[in-house]
Structures are given as structure tokens and as C-alpha cells.
PDB file of N, CA and C in Angstrom:
ATOM      1  N   MET A   1       0.830  -1.176   0.000  1.00  0.00           N
ATOM      2  CA  MET A   1       0.000   0.000   0.000  1.00  0.00           C
ATOM      3  C   MET A   1       0.880   1.247   0.000  1.00  0.00           C
ATOM      4  N   LYS A   2       0.366   2.292  -0.565  1.00  0.00           N
ATOM      5  CA  LYS A   2       1.110   3.539  -0.607  1.00  0.00           C
ATOM      6  C   LYS A   2       1.068   4.218   0.757  1.00  0.00           C
ATOM      7  N   SER A   3       2.059   5.049   0.969  1.00  0.00           N
ATOM      8  CA  SER A   3       2.136   5.736   2.259  1.00  0.00           C
ATOM      9  C   SER A   3       0.980   6.722   2.445  1.00  0.00           C
ATOM     10  N   ILE A   4       0.432   7.241   1.344  1.00  0.00           N
ATOM     11  CA  ILE A   4      -0.688   8.184   1.459  1.00  0.00           C
ATOM     12  C   ILE A   4      -1.931   7.483   2.017  1.00  0.00           C
ATOM     13  N   VAL A   5      -2.097   6.215   1.710  1.00  0.00           N
ATOM     14  CA  VAL A   5      -3.228   5.447   2.250  1.00  0.00           C
ATOM     15  C   VAL A   5      -3.033   5.239   3.745  1.00  0.00           C
ATOM     16  N   TRP A   6      -1.797   4.919   4.157  1.00  0.00           N
ATOM     17  CA  TRP A   6      -1.524   4.733   5.584  1.00  0.00           C
ATOM     18  C   TRP A   6      -1.705   6.043   6.346  1.00  0.00           C
ATOM     19  N   LEU A   7      -1.270   7.144   5.759  1.00  0.00           N
ATOM     20  CA  LEU A   7      -1.451   8.440   6.388  1.00  0.00           C
ATOM     21  C   LEU A   7      -2.942   8.782   6.502  1.00  0.00           C
ATOM     22  N   GLY A   8      -3.703   8.481   5.463  1.00  0.00           N
ATOM     23  CA  GLY A   8      -5.145   8.695   5.504  1.00  0.00           C
ATOM     24  C   GLY A   8      -5.820   7.842   6.572  1.00  0.00           C
ATOM     25  N   ALA A   9      -5.367   6.592   6.705  1.00  0.00           N
ATOM     26  CA  ALA A   9      -5.934   5.715   7.738  1.00  0.00           C
ATOM     27  C   ALA A   9      -5.615   6.244   9.129  1.00  0.00           C
ATOM     28  N   LEU A  10      -4.408   6.773   9.304  1.00  0.00           N
ATOM     29  CA  LEU A  10      -4.035   7.349  10.597  1.00  0.00           C
ATOM     30  C   LEU A  10      -4.888   8.577  10.910  1.00  0.00           C
ATOM     31  N   PHE A  11      -5.075   9.458   9.919  1.00  0.00           N
ATOM     32  CA  PHE A  11      -5.920  10.632  10.120  1.00  0.00           C
ATOM     33  C   PHE A  11      -7.364  10.237  10.409  1.00  0.00           C
ATOM     34  N   ALA A  12      -7.867   9.246   9.692  1.00  0.00           N
ATOM     35  CA  ALA A  12      -9.241   8.802   9.922  1.00  0.00           C
ATOM     36  C   ALA A  12      -9.395   8.246  11.340  1.00  0.00           C
ATOM     37  N   LEU A  13      -8.410   7.485  11.788  1.00  0.00           N
ATOM     38  CA  LEU A  13      -8.457   6.931  13.140  1.00  0.00           C
ATOM     39  C   LEU A  13      -8.406   8.046  14.189  1.00  0.00           C
ATOM     40  N   LEU A  14      -7.531   9.033  13.978  1.00  0.00           N
ATOM     41  CA  LEU A  14      -7.457  10.155  14.915  1.00  0.00           C
ATOM     42  C   LEU A  14      -8.750  10.972  14.901  1.00  0.00           C
ATOM     43  N   GLY A  15      -9.370  11.129  13.733  1.00  0.00           N
ATOM     44  CA  GLY A  15     -10.637  11.843  13.655  1.00  0.00           C
ATOM     45  C   GLY A  15     -11.747  11.125  14.400  1.00  0.00           C
ATOM     46  N   ILE A  16     -11.794   9.808  14.258  1.00  0.00           N
ATOM     47  CA  ILE A  16     -12.800   9.015  14.984  1.00  0.00           C
ATOM     48  C   ILE A  16     -12.572   9.127  16.483  1.00  0.00           C
ATOM     49  N   LEU A  17     -11.302   9.025  16.912  1.00  0.00           N
ATOM     50  CA  LEU A  17     -11.001   9.160  18.342  1.00  0.00           C
ATOM     51  C   LEU A  17     -11.369  10.552  18.855  1.00  0.00           C
ATOM     52  N   GLY A  18     -11.140  11.576  18.043  1.00  0.00           N
ATOM     53  CA  GLY A  18     -11.502  12.929  18.445  1.00  0.00           C
ATOM     54  C   GLY A  18     -12.992  13.119  18.592  1.00  0.00           C
ATOM     55  N   LEU A  19     -13.775  12.393  17.799  1.00  0.00           N
ATOM     56  CA  LEU A  19     -15.232  12.499  17.911  1.00  0.00           C
ATOM     57  C   LEU A  19     -15.783  11.644  19.048  1.00  0.00           C
ATOM     58  N   VAL A  20     -15.169  10.494  19.285  1.00  0.00           N
ATOM     59  CA  VAL A  20     -15.660   9.585  20.323  1.00  0.00           C
ATOM     60  C   VAL A  20     -15.223  10.042  21.716  1.00  0.00           C
ATOM     61  N   ILE A  21     -13.965  10.487  21.827  1.00  0.00           N
ATOM     62  CA  ILE A  21     -13.424  10.921  23.119  1.00  0.00           C
ATOM     63  C   ILE A  21     -13.002  12.385  22.977  1.00  0.00           C
ATOM     64  N   PRO A  22     -13.937  13.333  23.097  1.00  0.00           N
ATOM     65  CA  PRO A  22     -13.593  14.735  22.847  1.00  0.00           C
ATOM     66  C   PRO A  22     -12.866  15.427  24.002  1.00  0.00           C
ATOM     67  N   GLU A  23     -12.787  14.785  25.158  1.00  0.00           N
ATOM     68  CA  GLU A  23     -12.188  15.426  26.327  1.00  0.00           C
ATOM     69  C   GLU A  23     -11.181  14.483  26.967  1.00  0.00           C
ATOM     70  N   PHE A  24      -9.982  14.990  27.256  1.00  0.00           N
ATOM     71  CA  PHE A  24      -8.989  14.185  27.953  1.00  0.00           C
ATOM     72  C   PHE A  24      -8.243  15.080  28.935  1.00  0.00           C
ATOM     73  N   SER A  25      -7.652  14.469  29.940  1.00  0.00           N
ATOM     74  CA  SER A  25      -6.949  15.248  30.953  1.00  0.00           C
ATOM     75  C   SER A  25      -5.503  14.778  31.069  1.00  0.00           C
ATOM     76  N   THR A  26      -4.644  15.709  31.447  1.00  0.00           N
ATOM     77  CA  THR A  26      -3.231  15.426  31.671  1.00  0.00           C
ATOM     78  C   THR A  26      -2.843  15.984  33.031  1.00  0.00           C
ATOM     79  N   SER A  27      -1.756  15.468  33.582  1.00  0.00           N
ATOM     80  CA  SER A  27      -1.257  15.996  34.848  1.00  0.00           C
ATOM     81  C   SER A  27       0.233  16.304  34.706  1.00  0.00           C
ATOM     82  N   HIS A  28       0.654  17.342  35.392  1.00  0.00           N
ATOM     83  CA  HIS A  28       2.038  17.800  35.341  1.00  0.00           C
ATOM     84  C   HIS A  28       2.514  18.030  36.767  1.00  0.00           C
ATOM     85  N   THR A  29       3.603  17.384  37.153  1.00  0.00           N
ATOM     86  CA  THR A  29       4.166  17.544  38.483  1.00  0.00           C
ATOM     87  C   THR A  29       5.409  18.426  38.394  1.00  0.00           C
ATOM     88  N   ARG A  30       5.472  19.420  39.271  1.00  0.00           N
ATOM     89  CA  ARG A  30       6.641  20.294  39.274  1.00  0.00           C
ATOM     90  C   ARG A  30       7.073  20.550  40.714  1.00  0.00           C
ATOM     91  N   ASP A  31       8.347  20.852  40.879  1.00  0.00           N
ATOM     92  CA  ASP A  31       8.887  21.161  42.206  1.00  0.00           C
ATOM     93  C   ASP A  31       8.545  22.596  42.577  1.00  0.00           C
ATOM     94  N   VAL A  32       7.983  22.766  43.787  1.00  0.00           N
ATOM     95  CA  VAL A  32       7.651  24.097  44.279  1.00  0.00           C
ATOM     96  C   VAL A  32       8.779  24.600  45.171  1.00  0.00           C
ATOM     97  N   VAL A  33       9.190  23.783  46.131  1.00  0.00           N
ATOM     98  CA  VAL A  33      10.264  24.149  47.061  1.00  0.00           C
ATOM     99  C   VAL A  33      11.219  22.970  47.154  1.00  0.00           C
ATOM    100  N   ASN A  34      12.527  23.280  47.164  1.00  0.00           N
ATOM    101  CA  ASN A  34      13.545  22.248  47.294  1.00  0.00           C
ATOM    102  C   ASN A  34      14.590  22.744  48.285  1.00  0.00           C
ATOM    103  N   LEU A  35      14.435  22.346  49.560  1.00  0.00           N
ATOM    104  CA  LEU A  35      15.356  22.749  50.622  1.00  0.00           C
ATOM    105  C   LEU A  35      16.072  21.525  51.162  1.00  0.00           C
ATOM    106  N   GLY A  36      17.243  21.259  50.663  1.00  0.00           N
ATOM    107  CA  GLY A  36      18.017  20.107  51.124  1.00  0.00           C
ATOM    108  C   GLY A  36      17.276  18.816  50.845  1.00  0.00           C
ATOM    109  N   ALA A  37      16.941  18.080  51.927  1.00  0.00           N
ATOM    110  CA  ALA A  37      16.249  16.807  51.774  1.00  0.00           C
ATOM    111  C   ALA A  37      14.734  16.974  51.674  1.00  0.00           C
ATOM    112  N   VAL A  38      14.254  18.191  51.925  1.00  0.00           N
ATOM    113  CA  VAL A  38      12.816  18.439  51.874  1.00  0.00           C
ATOM    114  C   VAL A  38      12.459  18.936  50.480  1.00  0.00           C
ATOM    115  N   LYS A  39      11.501  18.247  49.888  1.00  0.00           N
ATOM    116  CA  LYS A  39      11.053  18.620  48.546  1.00  0.00           C
ATOM    117  C   LYS A  39       9.536  18.701  48.549  1.00  0.00           C
ATOM    118  N   VAL A  40       8.989  19.833  48.110  1.00  0.00           N
ATOM    119  CA  VAL A  40       7.551  20.021  48.018  1.00  0.00           C
ATOM    120  C   VAL A  40       7.196  20.073  46.530  1.00  0.00           C
ATOM    121  N   GLN A  41       6.257  19.214  46.139  1.00  0.00           N
ATOM    122  CA  GLN A  41       5.859  19.144  44.735  1.00  0.00           C
ATOM    123  C   GLN A  41       4.390  19.505  44.589  1.00  0.00           C
ATOM    124  N   SER A  42       4.059  19.994  43.415  1.00  0.00           N
ATOM    125  CA  SER A  42       2.683  20.349  43.103  1.00  0.00           C
ATOM    126  C   SER A  42       2.274  19.605  41.825  1.00  0.00           C
ATOM    127  N   THR A  43       1.109  19.007  41.861  1.00  0.00           N
ATOM    128  CA  THR A  43       0.582  18.313  40.681  1.00  0.00           C
ATOM    129  C   THR A  43      -0.612  19.096  40.160  1.00  0.00           C
ATOM    130  N   GLU A  44      -0.533  19.466  38.892  1.00  0.00           N
ATOM    131  CA  GLU A  44      -1.613  20.226  38.261  1.00  0.00           C
ATOM    132  C   GLU A  44      -2.292  19.353  37.212  1.00  0.00           C
ATOM    133  N   LYS A  45      -3.608  19.273  37.285  1.00  0.00           N
ATOM    134  CA  LYS A  45      -4.377  18.535  36.280  1.00  0.00           C
ATOM    135  C   LYS A  45      -4.994  19.532  35.311  1.00  0.00           C
ATOM    136  N   SER A  46      -4.900  19.217  34.037  1.00  0.00           N
ATOM    137  CA  SER A  46      -5.472  20.067  33.000  1.00  0.00           C
ATOM    138  C   SER A  46      -6.421  19.239  32.152  1.00  0.00           C
ATOM    139  N   THR A  47      -7.553  19.806  31.828  1.00  0.00           N
ATOM    140  CA  THR A  47      -8.516  19.149  30.956  1.00  0.00           C
ATOM    141  C   THR A  47      -8.471  19.834  29.592  1.00  0.00           C
ATOM    142  N   HIS A  48      -8.375  19.035  28.545  1.00  0.00           N
ATOM    143  CA  HIS A  48      -8.282  19.547  27.182  1.00  0.00           C
ATOM    144  C   HIS A  48      -9.494  19.069  26.379  1.00  0.00           C
ATOM    145  N   MET A  49     -10.015  19.938  25.536  1.00  0.00           N
ATOM    146  CA  MET A  49     -11.166  19.605  24.689  1.00  0.00           C
ATOM    147  C   MET A  49     -10.733  19.583  23.221  1.00  0.00           C
ATOM    148  N   VAL A  50     -11.221  18.600  22.482  1.00  0.00           N
ATOM    149  CA  VAL A  50     -11.030  18.545  21.039  1.00  0.00           C
ATOM    150  C   VAL A  50     -12.341  19.005  20.406  1.00  0.00           C
ATOM    151  N   PRO A  51     -12.316  20.114  19.665  1.00  0.00           N
ATOM    152  CA  PRO A  51     -13.559  20.597  19.052  1.00  0.00           C
ATOM    153  C   PRO A  51     -14.123  19.573  18.066  1.00  0.00           C
ATOM    154  N   PRO A  52     -15.439  19.384  18.048  1.00  0.00           N
ATOM    155  CA  PRO A  52     -16.034  18.411  17.130  1.00  0.00           C
ATOM    156  C   PRO A  52     -15.721  18.716  15.661  1.00  0.00           C
ATOM    157  N   ALA A  53     -15.635  19.996  15.318  1.00  0.00           N
ATOM    158  CA  ALA A  53     -15.323  20.351  13.933  1.00  0.00           C
ATOM    159  C   ALA A  53     -13.920  19.883  13.546  1.00  0.00           C
ATOM    160  N   LEU A  54     -12.982  19.937  14.484  1.00  0.00           N
ATOM    161  CA  LEU A  54     -11.624  19.466  14.213  1.00  0.00           C
ATOM    162  C   LEU A  54     -11.601  17.961  14.009  1.00  0.00           C
ATOM    163  N   GLY A  55     -12.296  17.218  14.867  1.00  0.00           N
ATOM    164  CA  GLY A  55     -12.369  15.760  14.715  1.00  0.00           C
ATOM    165  C   GLY A  55     -13.012  15.361  13.398  1.00  0.00           C
ATOM    166  N   ALA A  56     -14.095  16.035  13.043  1.00  0.00           N
ATOM    167  CA  ALA A  56     -14.775  15.729  11.781  1.00  0.00           C
ATOM    168  C   ALA A  56     -13.901  16.103  10.586  1.00  0.00           C
ATOM    169  N   GLY A  57     -13.194  17.222  10.681  1.00  0.00           N
ATOM    170  CA  GLY A  57     -12.316  17.640   9.584  1.00  0.00           C
ATOM    171  C   GLY A  57     -11.174  16.674   9.357  1.00  0.00           C
ATOM    172  N   VAL A  58     -10.579  16.190  10.436  1.00  0.00           N
ATOM    173  CA  VAL A  58      -9.485  15.221  10.310  1.00  0.00           C
ATOM    174  C   VAL A  58     -10.014  13.901   9.758  1.00  0.00           C
ATOM    175  N   LEU A  59     -11.198  13.495  10.173  1.00  0.00           N
ATOM    176  CA  LEU A  59     -11.809  12.273   9.638  1.00  0.00           C
ATOM    177  C   LEU A  59     -12.063  12.408   8.140  1.00  0.00           C
ATOM    178  N   ILE A  60     -12.614  13.532   7.720  1.00  0.00           N
ATOM    179  CA  ILE A  60     -12.884  13.748   6.292  1.00  0.00           C
ATOM    180  C   ILE A  60     -11.584  13.786   5.495  1.00  0.00           C
ATOM    181  N   LEU A  61     -10.559  14.447   6.039  1.00  0.00           N
ATOM    182  CA  LEU A  61      -9.261  14.481   5.367  1.00  0.00           C
ATOM    183  C   LEU A  61      -8.690  13.076   5.217  1.00  0.00           C
ATOM    184  N   GLY A  62      -8.831  12.259   6.252  1.00  0.00           N
ATOM    185  CA  GLY A  62      -8.346  10.880   6.185  1.00  0.00           C
ATOM    186  C   GLY A  62      -9.054  10.077   5.110  1.00  0.00           C
ATOM    187  N   VAL A  63     -10.370  10.225   5.025  1.00  0.00           N
ATOM    188  CA  VAL A  63     -11.139   9.500   4.001  1.00  0.00           C
ATOM    189  C   VAL A  63     -10.733   9.970   2.603  1.00  0.00           C
ATOM    190  N   ILE A  64     -10.508  11.274   2.445  1.00  0.00           N
ATOM    191  CA  ILE A  64     -10.082  11.800   1.139  1.00  0.00           C
ATOM    192  C   ILE A  64      -8.703  11.258   0.768  1.00  0.00           C
ATOM    193  N   LEU A  65      -7.785  11.212   1.730  1.00  0.00           N
ATOM    194  CA  LEU A  65      -6.449  10.681   1.446  1.00  0.00           C
ATOM    195  C   LEU A  65      -6.495   9.198   1.099  1.00  0.00           C
ATOM    196  N   ILE A  66      -7.320   8.438   1.793  1.00  0.00           N
ATOM    197  CA  ILE A  66      -7.454   7.007   1.476  1.00  0.00           C
ATOM    198  C   ILE A  66      -8.018   6.844   0.074  1.00  0.00           C
ATOM    199  N   GLY A  67      -9.065   7.594  -0.237  1.00  0.00           N
ATOM    200  CA  GLY A  67      -9.663   7.519  -1.565  1.00  0.00           C
ATOM    201  C   GLY A  67      -8.691   7.935  -2.652  1.00  0.00           C
ATOM    202  N   GLY A  68      -7.934   9.013  -2.422  1.00  0.00           N
ATOM    203  CA  GLY A  68      -6.958   9.463  -3.399  1.00  0.00           C
ATOM    204  C   GLY A  68      -5.837   8.462  -3.604  1.00  0.00           C
ATOM    205  N   GLY A  69      -5.391   7.850  -2.535  1.00  0.00           N
ATOM    206  CA  GLY A  69      -4.324   6.837  -2.636  1.00  0.00           C
ATOM    207  C   GLY A  69      -4.787   5.595  -3.366  1.00  0.00           C
ATOM    208  N   LEU A  70      -6.026   5.177  -3.127  1.00  0.00           N
ATOM    209  CA  LEU A  70      -6.539   4.008  -3.812  1.00  0.00           C
ATOM    210  C   LEU A  70      -6.861   4.314  -5.275  1.00  0.00           C
ATOM    211  N   TYR A  71      -7.282   5.554  -5.554  1.00  0.00           N
ATOM    212  CA  TYR A  71      -7.583   5.934  -6.926  1.00  0.00           C
ATOM    213  C   TYR A  71      -6.295   6.027  -7.756  1.00  0.00           C
ATOM    214  N   GLN A  72      -5.210   6.492  -7.164  1.00  0.00           N
ATOM    215  CA  GLN A  72      -3.929   6.596  -7.839  1.00  0.00           C
ATOM    216  C   GLN A  72      -3.381   5.228  -8.205  1.00  0.00           C
ATOM    217  N   ARG A  73      -3.692   4.244  -7.391  1.00  0.00           N
ATOM    218  CA  ARG A  73      -3.163   2.890  -7.601  1.00  0.00           C
ATOM    219  C   ARG A  73      -3.712   2.256  -8.872  1.00  0.00           C
ATOM    220  N   ARG A  74      -4.869   2.652  -9.319  1.00  0.00           N
ATOM    221  CA  ARG A  74      -5.493   2.010 -10.486  1.00  0.00           C
ATOM    222  C   ARG A  74      -4.917   2.467 -11.761  1.00  0.00           C
TER     223      ARG A  74
END
């Protein structure tokens, strides 16, 4: 298979994931105070949203790339 088909499949998969799971969270730990053996850390959680239009756009782009790659093969 051509690489454009694989790239299209990857985009389509990411678009589907963006539509199915539009919200995800991450955490970041950082040092606040470091005095000798005493270390104080802070963990921050962030929630990120994937806009539905972005997920749908990536899905459509993936389908177009798959179609273009398969059409070129003929």
C-alpha cells in the first residue's frame, strides 16, 4: 500500500477518536520548594477539549487521502 493510504488511515483513526473521546486530561508535576532533603511538589491537572469540527475535519481528510491513494493505484 502507498504511504498516502496509511497516512489517511491514521488521520481517519485520529478523527474518529476525536469524535468519540472529545475530552482528555493530563497531569504535570513540578517542584515548588527544594530545601536540602525536603522537597515540596505540586501536581496540576489540565482538561483539554477537542472541538467536534476538528475531529470531523481530520476524519474527512483521512477519508479523502485514502480515496486518493486508492484511486492513484489504479
